[in-house]
Amino acid sequence: MYTTLFDRVVNTLTEAFLRPDTFAAHYGAIIGLQMLGPHVVSEVLMTNIHKYVSIISPKLWEKKFSIEQLEAWRCYDALLVFQFRNLPNLIACIWQILSKDGC
């Protein structure tokens, strides 16, 4: 079924990321997927972000504080930090696209 160990790891982490499990498991999946490189992030994290937002949003805005809410915020922060760290790469990619079009 899997051609490489890399594919198997990506699949396992993706399942953990999208499963409505504990947010600690989500956090580990987010960090693990990020460590596998920008291609994995764009293919897995960014394409599934809408599904993930529907999982995490209700917990983020609960009025009653809980450890689970704290873990949800930690997942949210991990996604934001990764995007901030990769902002120069994103700008460079956008610049390349624009310069190819003559802008």
PDB file of N, CA and C in Angstrom:
ATOM      1  N   MET A   1       0.813  -1.189   0.000  1.00  0.00           N
ATOM      2  CA  MET A   1       0.000   0.000   0.000  1.00  0.00           C
ATOM      3  C   MET A   1       0.864   1.262   0.000  1.00  0.00           C
ATOM      4  N   TYR A   2       1.883   1.299   0.843  1.00  0.00           N
ATOM      5  CA  TYR A   2       2.785   2.450   0.894  1.00  0.00           C
ATOM      6  C   TYR A   2       4.044   2.124   0.105  1.00  0.00           C
ATOM      7  N   THR A   3       4.496   3.088  -0.681  1.00  0.00           N
ATOM      8  CA  THR A   3       5.712   2.846  -1.457  1.00  0.00           C
ATOM      9  C   THR A   3       6.961   3.138  -0.645  1.00  0.00           C
ATOM     10  N   THR A   4       6.847   4.073   0.319  1.00  0.00           N
ATOM     11  CA  THR A   4       8.009   4.407   1.137  1.00  0.00           C
ATOM     12  C   THR A   4       7.585   4.605   2.591  1.00  0.00           C
ATOM     13  N   LEU A   5       8.551   4.608   3.458  1.00  0.00           N
ATOM     14  CA  LEU A   5       8.299   4.902   4.867  1.00  0.00           C
ATOM     15  C   LEU A   5       7.793   6.332   5.017  1.00  0.00           C
ATOM     16  N   PHE A   6       8.311   7.237   4.200  1.00  0.00           N
ATOM     17  CA  PHE A   6       7.894   8.640   4.230  1.00  0.00           C
ATOM     18  C   PHE A   6       6.378   8.739   4.022  1.00  0.00           C
ATOM     19  N   ASP A   7       5.848   8.030   3.021  1.00  0.00           N
ATOM     20  CA  ASP A   7       4.409   8.049   2.750  1.00  0.00           C
ATOM     21  C   ASP A   7       3.611   7.535   3.944  1.00  0.00           C
ATOM     22  N   ARG A   8       4.118   6.529   4.568  1.00  0.00           N
ATOM     23  CA  ARG A   8       3.427   5.947   5.723  1.00  0.00           C
ATOM     24  C   ARG A   8       3.405   6.924   6.895  1.00  0.00           C
ATOM     25  N   VAL A   9       4.525   7.594   7.139  1.00  0.00           N
ATOM     26  CA  VAL A   9       4.595   8.568   8.223  1.00  0.00           C
ATOM     27  C   VAL A   9       3.644   9.736   7.945  1.00  0.00           C
ATOM     28  N   VAL A  10       3.656  10.233   6.720  1.00  0.00           N
ATOM     29  CA  VAL A  10       2.765  11.341   6.354  1.00  0.00           C
ATOM     30  C   VAL A  10       1.309  10.933   6.561  1.00  0.00           C
ATOM     31  N   ASN A  11       0.943   9.743   6.138  1.00  0.00           N
ATOM     32  CA  ASN A  11      -0.432   9.270   6.289  1.00  0.00           C
ATOM     33  C   ASN A  11      -0.813   9.150   7.765  1.00  0.00           C
ATOM     34  N   THR A  12       0.065   8.616   8.571  1.00  0.00           N
ATOM     35  CA  THR A  12      -0.213   8.449  10.000  1.00  0.00           C
ATOM     36  C   THR A  12      -0.395   9.800  10.674  1.00  0.00           C
ATOM     37  N   LEU A  13       0.485  10.751  10.365  1.00  0.00           N
ATOM     38  CA  LEU A  13       0.382  12.077  10.966  1.00  0.00           C
ATOM     39  C   LEU A  13      -0.856  12.823  10.473  1.00  0.00           C
ATOM     40  N   THR A  14      -1.216  12.639   9.217  1.00  0.00           N
ATOM     41  CA  THR A  14      -2.414  13.282   8.680  1.00  0.00           C
ATOM     42  C   THR A  14      -3.662  12.756   9.375  1.00  0.00           C
ATOM     43  N   GLU A  15      -3.716  11.462   9.590  1.00  0.00           N
ATOM     44  CA  GLU A  15      -4.854  10.877  10.306  1.00  0.00           C
ATOM     45  C   GLU A  15      -4.951  11.428  11.725  1.00  0.00           C
ATOM     46  N   ALA A  16      -3.814  11.565  12.394  1.00  0.00           N
ATOM     47  CA  ALA A  16      -3.810  12.116  13.754  1.00  0.00           C
ATOM     48  C   ALA A  16      -4.229  13.584  13.751  1.00  0.00           C
ATOM     49  N   PHE A  17      -3.860  14.309  12.715  1.00  0.00           N
ATOM     50  CA  PHE A  17      -4.194  15.731  12.591  1.00  0.00           C
ATOM     51  C   PHE A  17      -5.698  15.931  12.406  1.00  0.00           C
ATOM     52  N   LEU A  18      -6.340  15.073  11.635  1.00  0.00           N
ATOM     53  CA  LEU A  18      -7.756  15.262  11.304  1.00  0.00           C
ATOM     54  C   LEU A  18      -8.723  14.480  12.192  1.00  0.00           C
ATOM     55  N   ARG A  19      -8.200  13.582  12.994  1.00  0.00           N
ATOM     56  CA  ARG A  19      -9.061  12.792  13.871  1.00  0.00           C
ATOM     57  C   ARG A  19      -9.488  13.656  15.061  1.00  0.00           C
ATOM     58  N   PRO A  20     -10.761  13.661  15.418  1.00  0.00           N
ATOM     59  CA  PRO A  20     -11.184  14.468  16.578  1.00  0.00           C
ATOM     60  C   PRO A  20     -10.744  13.802  17.879  1.00  0.00           C
ATOM     61  N   ASP A  21      -9.461  13.733  18.040  1.00  0.00           N
ATOM     62  CA  ASP A  21      -8.839  13.093  19.191  1.00  0.00           C
ATOM     63  C   ASP A  21      -8.428  14.180  20.175  1.00  0.00           C
ATOM     64  N   THR A  22      -7.433  13.896  20.957  1.00  0.00           N
ATOM     65  CA  THR A  22      -6.934  14.904  21.882  1.00  0.00           C
ATOM     66  C   THR A  22      -6.130  15.952  21.115  1.00  0.00           C
ATOM     67  N   PHE A  23      -6.126  17.158  21.631  1.00  0.00           N
ATOM     68  CA  PHE A  23      -5.359  18.218  20.988  1.00  0.00           C
ATOM     69  C   PHE A  23      -3.857  18.012  21.158  1.00  0.00           C
ATOM     70  N   ALA A  24      -3.472  17.231  22.152  1.00  0.00           N
ATOM     71  CA  ALA A  24      -2.052  16.898  22.296  1.00  0.00           C
ATOM     72  C   ALA A  24      -1.595  16.064  21.096  1.00  0.00           C
ATOM     73  N   ALA A  25      -2.455  15.154  20.637  1.00  0.00           N
ATOM     74  CA  ALA A  25      -2.139  14.361  19.436  1.00  0.00           C
ATOM     75  C   ALA A  25      -2.103  15.257  18.207  1.00  0.00           C
ATOM     76  N   HIS A  26      -3.017  16.213  18.128  1.00  0.00           N
ATOM     77  CA  HIS A  26      -3.022  17.169  17.012  1.00  0.00           C
ATOM     78  C   HIS A  26      -1.722  17.966  16.981  1.00  0.00           C
ATOM     79  N   TYR A  27      -1.300  18.428  18.162  1.00  0.00           N
ATOM     80  CA  TYR A  27      -0.081  19.222  18.244  1.00  0.00           C
ATOM     81  C   TYR A  27       1.122  18.420  17.747  1.00  0.00           C
ATOM     82  N   GLY A  28       1.223  17.189  18.184  1.00  0.00           N
ATOM     83  CA  GLY A  28       2.318  16.332  17.720  1.00  0.00           C
ATOM     84  C   GLY A  28       2.270  16.109  16.220  1.00  0.00           C
ATOM     85  N   ALA A  29       1.063  15.947  15.671  1.00  0.00           N
ATOM     86  CA  ALA A  29       0.922  15.762  14.225  1.00  0.00           C
ATOM     87  C   ALA A  29       1.315  17.029  13.474  1.00  0.00           C
ATOM     88  N   ILE A  30       0.919  18.181  13.981  1.00  0.00           N
ATOM     89  CA  ILE A  30       1.266  19.458  13.334  1.00  0.00           C
ATOM     90  C   ILE A  30       2.777  19.633  13.294  1.00  0.00           C
ATOM     91  N   ILE A  31       3.416  19.435  14.424  1.00  0.00           N
ATOM     92  CA  ILE A  31       4.875  19.586  14.493  1.00  0.00           C
ATOM     93  C   ILE A  31       5.557  18.547  13.598  1.00  0.00           C
ATOM     94  N   GLY A  32       5.095  17.308  13.647  1.00  0.00           N
ATOM     95  CA  GLY A  32       5.689  16.251  12.826  1.00  0.00           C
ATOM     96  C   GLY A  32       5.554  16.541  11.337  1.00  0.00           C
ATOM     97  N   LEU A  33       4.382  16.982  10.908  1.00  0.00           N
ATOM     98  CA  LEU A  33       4.177  17.312   9.496  1.00  0.00           C
ATOM     99  C   LEU A  33       5.044  18.495   9.070  1.00  0.00           C
ATOM    100  N   GLN A  34       5.179  19.464   9.946  1.00  0.00           N
ATOM    101  CA  GLN A  34       6.022  20.622   9.630  1.00  0.00           C
ATOM    102  C   GLN A  34       7.481  20.221   9.453  1.00  0.00           C
ATOM    103  N   MET A  35       7.926  19.268  10.240  1.00  0.00           N
ATOM    104  CA  MET A  35       9.314  18.824  10.153  1.00  0.00           C
ATOM    105  C   MET A  35       9.598  18.039   8.873  1.00  0.00           C
ATOM    106  N   LEU A  36       8.568  17.563   8.226  1.00  0.00           N
ATOM    107  CA  LEU A  36       8.746  16.800   6.988  1.00  0.00           C
ATOM    108  C   LEU A  36       8.907  17.698   5.769  1.00  0.00           C
ATOM    109  N   GLY A  37       8.774  19.002   5.948  1.00  0.00           N
ATOM    110  CA  GLY A  37       9.087  19.929   4.865  1.00  0.00           C
ATOM    111  C   GLY A  37       7.911  20.713   4.320  1.00  0.00           C
ATOM    112  N   PRO A  38       8.232  21.749   3.557  1.00  0.00           N
ATOM    113  CA  PRO A  38       7.196  22.651   3.046  1.00  0.00           C
ATOM    114  C   PRO A  38       6.222  21.985   2.075  1.00  0.00           C
ATOM    115  N   HIS A  39       6.695  20.986   1.343  1.00  0.00           N
ATOM    116  CA  HIS A  39       5.801  20.298   0.413  1.00  0.00           C
ATOM    117  C   HIS A  39       4.688  19.576   1.173  1.00  0.00           C
ATOM    118  N   VAL A  40       5.052  18.921   2.255  1.00  0.00           N
ATOM    119  CA  VAL A  40       4.066  18.223   3.075  1.00  0.00           C
ATOM    120  C   VAL A  40       3.099  19.223   3.696  1.00  0.00           C
ATOM    121  N   VAL A  41       3.632  20.350   4.153  1.00  0.00           N
ATOM    122  CA  VAL A  41       2.776  21.376   4.747  1.00  0.00           C
ATOM    123  C   VAL A  41       1.746  21.866   3.740  1.00  0.00           C
ATOM    124  N   SER A  42       2.192  22.169   2.524  1.00  0.00           N
ATOM    125  CA  SER A  42       1.245  22.682   1.540  1.00  0.00           C
ATOM    126  C   SER A  42       0.254  21.607   1.101  1.00  0.00           C
ATOM    127  N   GLU A  43       0.710  20.363   0.994  1.00  0.00           N
ATOM    128  CA  GLU A  43      -0.167  19.292   0.537  1.00  0.00           C
ATOM    129  C   GLU A  43      -1.114  18.785   1.623  1.00  0.00           C
ATOM    130  N   VAL A  44      -0.668  18.779   2.865  1.00  0.00           N
ATOM    131  CA  VAL A  44      -1.474  18.173   3.930  1.00  0.00           C
ATOM    132  C   VAL A  44      -2.104  19.229   4.831  1.00  0.00           C
ATOM    133  N   LEU A  45      -1.262  20.038   5.480  1.00  0.00           N
ATOM    134  CA  LEU A  45      -1.802  20.999   6.443  1.00  0.00           C
ATOM    135  C   LEU A  45      -2.687  22.042   5.770  1.00  0.00           C
ATOM    136  N   MET A  46      -2.188  22.663   4.728  1.00  0.00           N
ATOM    137  CA  MET A  46      -2.932  23.758   4.127  1.00  0.00           C
ATOM    138  C   MET A  46      -4.179  23.285   3.375  1.00  0.00           C
ATOM    139  N   THR A  47      -4.134  22.113   2.788  1.00  0.00           N
ATOM    140  CA  THR A  47      -5.328  21.630   2.077  1.00  0.00           C
ATOM    141  C   THR A  47      -6.410  21.138   3.038  1.00  0.00           C
ATOM    142  N   ASN A  48      -6.027  20.818   4.261  1.00  0.00           N
ATOM    143  CA  ASN A  48      -6.999  20.335   5.248  1.00  0.00           C
ATOM    144  C   ASN A  48      -7.295  21.347   6.339  1.00  0.00           C
ATOM    145  N   ILE A  49      -6.835  22.576   6.172  1.00  0.00           N
ATOM    146  CA  ILE A  49      -6.968  23.567   7.239  1.00  0.00           C
ATOM    147  C   ILE A  49      -8.432  23.877   7.538  1.00  0.00           C
ATOM    148  N   HIS A  50      -9.287  23.872   6.528  1.00  0.00           N
ATOM    149  CA  HIS A  50     -10.711  24.167   6.770  1.00  0.00           C
ATOM    150  C   HIS A  50     -11.363  23.084   7.629  1.00  0.00           C
ATOM    151  N   LYS A  51     -11.007  21.833   7.375  1.00  0.00           N
ATOM    152  CA  LYS A  51     -11.518  20.742   8.207  1.00  0.00           C
ATOM    153  C   LYS A  51     -11.028  20.905   9.640  1.00  0.00           C
ATOM    154  N   TYR A  52      -9.747  21.281   9.762  1.00  0.00           N
ATOM    155  CA  TYR A  52      -9.165  21.398  11.091  1.00  0.00           C
ATOM    156  C   TYR A  52      -9.772  22.560  11.873  1.00  0.00           C
ATOM    157  N   VAL A  53     -10.045  23.652  11.187  1.00  0.00           N
ATOM    158  CA  VAL A  53     -10.665  24.801  11.851  1.00  0.00           C
ATOM    159  C   VAL A  53     -12.018  24.401  12.430  1.00  0.00           C
ATOM    160  N   SER A  54     -12.772  23.581  11.718  1.00  0.00           N
ATOM    161  CA  SER A  54     -14.068  23.143  12.247  1.00  0.00           C
ATOM    162  C   SER A  54     -13.906  22.256  13.482  1.00  0.00           C
ATOM    163  N   ILE A  55     -12.772  21.587  13.594  1.00  0.00           N
ATOM    164  CA  ILE A  55     -12.503  20.758  14.775  1.00  0.00           C
ATOM    165  C   ILE A  55     -12.077  21.623  15.962  1.00  0.00           C
ATOM    166  N   ILE A  56     -11.229  22.596  15.692  1.00  0.00           N
ATOM    167  CA  ILE A  56     -10.589  23.341  16.777  1.00  0.00           C
ATOM    168  C   ILE A  56     -11.393  24.570  17.242  1.00  0.00           C
ATOM    169  N   SER A  57     -12.129  25.201  16.357  1.00  0.00           N
ATOM    170  CA  SER A  57     -12.814  26.465  16.690  1.00  0.00           C
ATOM    171  C   SER A  57     -13.740  26.391  17.895  1.00  0.00           C
ATOM    172  N   PRO A  58     -14.605  25.409  17.990  1.00  0.00           N
ATOM    173  CA  PRO A  58     -15.507  25.394  19.153  1.00  0.00           C
ATOM    174  C   PRO A  58     -14.759  25.382  20.488  1.00  0.00           C
ATOM    175  N   LYS A  59     -13.648  24.674  20.519  1.00  0.00           N
ATOM    176  CA  LYS A  59     -12.895  24.575  21.771  1.00  0.00           C
ATOM    177  C   LYS A  59     -12.150  25.876  22.090  1.00  0.00           C
ATOM    178  N   LEU A  60     -11.658  26.571  21.054  1.00  0.00           N
ATOM    179  CA  LEU A  60     -10.916  27.816  21.283  1.00  0.00           C
ATOM    180  C   LEU A  60     -11.752  28.873  21.982  1.00  0.00           C
ATOM    181  N   TRP A  61     -13.030  28.937  21.641  1.00  0.00           N
ATOM    182  CA  TRP A  61     -13.871  30.034  22.122  1.00  0.00           C
ATOM    183  C   TRP A  61     -14.836  29.637  23.224  1.00  0.00           C
ATOM    184  N   GLU A  62     -14.586  28.510  23.876  1.00  0.00           N
ATOM    185  CA  GLU A  62     -15.411  28.132  25.025  1.00  0.00           C
ATOM    186  C   GLU A  62     -15.226  29.147  26.136  1.00  0.00           C
ATOM    187  N   LYS A  63     -16.298  29.425  26.840  1.00  0.00           N
ATOM    188  CA  LYS A  63     -16.222  30.407  27.924  1.00  0.00           C
ATOM    189  C   LYS A  63     -15.578  29.831  29.176  1.00  0.00           C
ATOM    190  N   LYS A  64     -15.724  28.537  29.370  1.00  0.00           N
ATOM    191  CA  LYS A  64     -15.150  27.898  30.549  1.00  0.00           C
ATOM    192  C   LYS A  64     -13.735  27.415  30.212  1.00  0.00           C
ATOM    193  N   PHE A  65     -12.764  27.829  30.991  1.00  0.00           N
ATOM    194  CA  PHE A  65     -11.369  27.443  30.778  1.00  0.00           C
ATOM    195  C   PHE A  65     -11.171  25.962  31.092  1.00  0.00           C
ATOM    196  N   SER A  66     -10.386  25.300  30.251  1.00  0.00           N
ATOM    197  CA  SER A  66     -10.035  23.901  30.499  1.00  0.00           C
ATOM    198  C   SER A  66      -8.645  23.630  29.924  1.00  0.00           C
ATOM    199  N   ILE A  67      -8.067  22.539  30.344  1.00  0.00           N
ATOM    200  CA  ILE A  67      -6.778  22.125  29.804  1.00  0.00           C
ATOM    201  C   ILE A  67      -6.906  21.848  28.310  1.00  0.00           C
ATOM    202  N   GLU A  68      -8.032  21.261  27.915  1.00  0.00           N
ATOM    203  CA  GLU A  68      -8.261  20.974  26.502  1.00  0.00           C
ATOM    204  C   GLU A  68      -8.267  22.273  25.672  1.00  0.00           C
ATOM    205  N   GLN A  69      -8.826  23.334  26.236  1.00  0.00           N
ATOM    206  CA  GLN A  69      -8.820  24.618  25.544  1.00  0.00           C
ATOM    207  C   GLN A  69      -7.391  25.149  25.412  1.00  0.00           C
ATOM    208  N   LEU A  70      -6.611  25.003  26.435  1.00  0.00           N
ATOM    209  CA  LEU A  70      -5.208  25.411  26.394  1.00  0.00           C
ATOM    210  C   LEU A  70      -4.446  24.623  25.325  1.00  0.00           C
ATOM    211  N   GLU A  71      -4.705  23.333  25.231  1.00  0.00           N
ATOM    212  CA  GLU A  71      -4.068  22.507  24.202  1.00  0.00           C
ATOM    213  C   GLU A  71      -4.511  22.923  22.798  1.00  0.00           C
ATOM    214  N   ALA A  72      -5.779  23.311  22.652  1.00  0.00           N
ATOM    215  CA  ALA A  72      -6.280  23.779  21.354  1.00  0.00           C
ATOM    216  C   ALA A  72      -5.559  25.065  20.946  1.00  0.00           C
ATOM    217  N   TRP A  73      -5.361  25.965  21.897  1.00  0.00           N
ATOM    218  CA  TRP A  73      -4.621  27.197  21.591  1.00  0.00           C
ATOM    219  C   TRP A  73      -3.172  26.902  21.224  1.00  0.00           C
ATOM    220  N   ARG A  74      -2.610  25.894  21.844  1.00  0.00           N
ATOM    221  CA  ARG A  74      -1.234  25.504  21.519  1.00  0.00           C
ATOM    222  C   ARG A  74      -1.136  25.017  20.064  1.00  0.00           C
ATOM    223  N   CYS A  75      -2.133  24.263  19.618  1.00  0.00           N
ATOM    224  CA  CYS A  75      -2.180  23.815  18.222  1.00  0.00           C
ATOM    225  C   CYS A  75      -2.310  25.010  17.286  1.00  0.00           C
ATOM    226  N   TYR A  76      -3.188  25.916  17.640  1.00  0.00           N
ATOM    227  CA  TYR A  76      -3.393  27.123  16.836  1.00  0.00           C
ATOM    228  C   TYR A  76      -2.090  27.920  16.729  1.00  0.00           C
ATOM    229  N   ASP A  77      -1.411  28.079  17.854  1.00  0.00           N
ATOM    230  CA  ASP A  77      -0.132  28.800  17.865  1.00  0.00           C
ATOM    231  C   ASP A  77       0.911  28.102  16.999  1.00  0.00           C
ATOM    232  N   ALA A  78       0.952  26.770  17.036  1.00  0.00           N
ATOM    233  CA  ALA A  78       1.923  26.027  16.225  1.00  0.00           C
ATOM    234  C   ALA A  78       1.703  26.289  14.742  1.00  0.00           C
ATOM    235  N   LEU A  79       0.456  26.362  14.326  1.00  0.00           N
ATOM    236  CA  LEU A  79       0.156  26.672  12.922  1.00  0.00           C
ATOM    237  C   LEU A  79       0.561  28.098  12.574  1.00  0.00           C
ATOM    238  N   LEU A  80       0.294  29.038  13.479  1.00  0.00           N
ATOM    239  CA  LEU A  80       0.665  30.435  13.224  1.00  0.00           C
ATOM    240  C   LEU A  80       2.170  30.636  13.188  1.00  0.00           C
ATOM    241  N   VAL A  81       2.885  30.035  14.117  1.00  0.00           N
ATOM    242  CA  VAL A  81       4.341  30.174  14.167  1.00  0.00           C
ATOM    243  C   VAL A  81       4.963  29.639  12.888  1.00  0.00           C
ATOM    244  N   PHE A  82       4.484  28.502  12.418  1.00  0.00           N
ATOM    245  CA  PHE A  82       5.034  27.948  11.190  1.00  0.00           C
ATOM    246  C   PHE A  82       4.805  28.897  10.022  1.00  0.00           C
ATOM    247  N   GLN A  83       3.611  29.464   9.929  1.00  0.00           N
ATOM    248  CA  GLN A  83       3.317  30.396   8.841  1.00  0.00           C
ATOM    249  C   GLN A  83       4.205  31.629   8.931  1.00  0.00           C
ATOM    250  N   PHE A  84       4.440  32.129  10.145  1.00  0.00           N
ATOM    251  CA  PHE A  84       5.291  33.305  10.325  1.00  0.00           C
ATOM    252  C   PHE A  84       6.731  32.999   9.937  1.00  0.00           C
ATOM    253  N   ARG A  85       7.235  31.840  10.332  1.00  0.00           N
ATOM    254  CA  ARG A  85       8.609  31.457   9.994  1.00  0.00           C
ATOM    255  C   ARG A  85       8.803  31.319   8.491  1.00  0.00           C
ATOM    256  N   ASN A  86       7.769  30.898   7.798  1.00  0.00           N
ATOM    257  CA  ASN A  86       7.871  30.679   6.370  1.00  0.00           C
ATOM    258  C   ASN A  86       7.380  31.856   5.535  1.00  0.00           C
ATOM    259  N   LEU A  87       7.122  32.981   6.175  1.00  0.00           N
ATOM    260  CA  LEU A  87       6.670  34.156   5.456  1.00  0.00           C
ATOM    261  C   LEU A  87       7.663  34.609   4.391  1.00  0.00           C
ATOM    262  N   PRO A  88       8.989  34.634   4.659  1.00  0.00           N
ATOM    263  CA  PRO A  88       9.923  35.008   3.591  1.00  0.00           C
ATOM    264  C   PRO A  88       9.837  34.076   2.374  1.00  0.00           C
ATOM    265  N   ASN A  89       9.659  32.779   2.624  1.00  0.00           N
ATOM    266  CA  ASN A  89       9.511  31.835   1.511  1.00  0.00           C
ATOM    267  C   ASN A  89       8.231  32.104   0.730  1.00  0.00           C
ATOM    268  N   LEU A  90       7.169  32.404   1.457  1.00  0.00           N
ATOM    269  CA  LEU A  90       5.901  32.703   0.807  1.00  0.00           C
ATOM    270  C   LEU A  90       6.022  33.966  -0.051  1.00  0.00           C
ATOM    271  N   ILE A  91       6.660  34.993   0.480  1.00  0.00           N
ATOM    272  CA  ILE A  91       6.851  36.241  -0.266  1.00  0.00           C
ATOM    273  C   ILE A  91       7.709  35.981  -1.501  1.00  0.00           C
ATOM    274  N   ALA A  92       8.766  35.188  -1.358  1.00  0.00           N
ATOM    275  CA  ALA A  92       9.629  34.868  -2.498  1.00  0.00           C
ATOM    276  C   ALA A  92       8.852  34.119  -3.579  1.00  0.00           C
ATOM    277  N   CYS A  93       7.997  33.190  -3.169  1.00  0.00           N
ATOM    278  CA  CYS A  93       7.191  32.450  -4.151  1.00  0.00           C
ATOM    279  C   CYS A  93       6.226  33.386  -4.871  1.00  0.00           C
ATOM    280  N   ILE A  94       5.589  34.258  -4.122  1.00  0.00           N
ATOM    281  CA  ILE A  94       4.653  35.210  -4.734  1.00  0.00           C
ATOM    282  C   ILE A  94       5.411  36.130  -5.690  1.00  0.00           C
ATOM    283  N   TRP A  95       6.588  36.590  -5.276  1.00  0.00           N
ATOM    284  CA  TRP A  95       7.397  37.463  -6.128  1.00  0.00           C
ATOM    285  C   TRP A  95       7.762  36.765  -7.426  1.00  0.00           C
ATOM    286  N   GLN A  96       8.142  35.487  -7.343  1.00  0.00           N
ATOM    287  CA  GLN A  96       8.471  34.715  -8.543  1.00  0.00           C
ATOM    288  C   GLN A  96       7.269  34.601  -9.474  1.00  0.00           C
ATOM    289  N   ILE A  97       6.127  34.332  -8.911  1.00  0.00           N
ATOM    290  CA  ILE A  97       4.913  34.210  -9.725  1.00  0.00           C
ATOM    291  C   ILE A  97       4.599  35.544 -10.404  1.00  0.00           C
ATOM    292  N   LEU A  98       4.696  36.619  -9.656  1.00  0.00           N
ATOM    293  CA  LEU A  98       4.397  37.937 -10.229  1.00  0.00           C
ATOM    294  C   LEU A  98       5.407  38.340 -11.280  1.00  0.00           C
ATOM    295  N   SER A  99       6.685  38.058 -11.057  1.00  0.00           N
ATOM    296  CA  SER A  99       7.697  38.449 -12.023  1.00  0.00           C
ATOM    297  C   SER A  99       7.601  37.639 -13.318  1.00  0.00           C
ATOM    298  N   LYS A 100       7.128  36.413 -13.254  1.00  0.00           N
ATOM    299  CA  LYS A 100       6.917  35.618 -14.463  1.00  0.00           C
ATOM    300  C   LYS A 100       5.792  36.194 -15.318  1.00  0.00           C
ATOM    301  N   ASP A 101       4.834  36.822 -14.659  1.00  0.00           N
ATOM    302  CA  ASP A 101       3.722  37.428 -15.377  1.00  0.00           C
ATOM    303  C   ASP A 101       4.053  38.847 -15.838  1.00  0.00           C
ATOM    304  N   GLY A 102       5.242  39.319 -15.488  1.00  0.00           N
ATOM    305  CA  GLY A 102       5.677  40.651 -15.915  1.00  0.00           C
ATOM    306  C   GLY A 102       5.231  41.770 -15.010  1.00  0.00           C
ATOM    307  N   CYS A 103       4.826  41.447 -13.792  1.00  0.00           N
ATOM    308  CA  CYS A 103       4.393  42.500 -12.865  1.00  0.00           C
ATOM    309  C   CYS A 103       5.584  43.110 -12.150  1.00  0.00           C
TER     310      CYS A 103
END
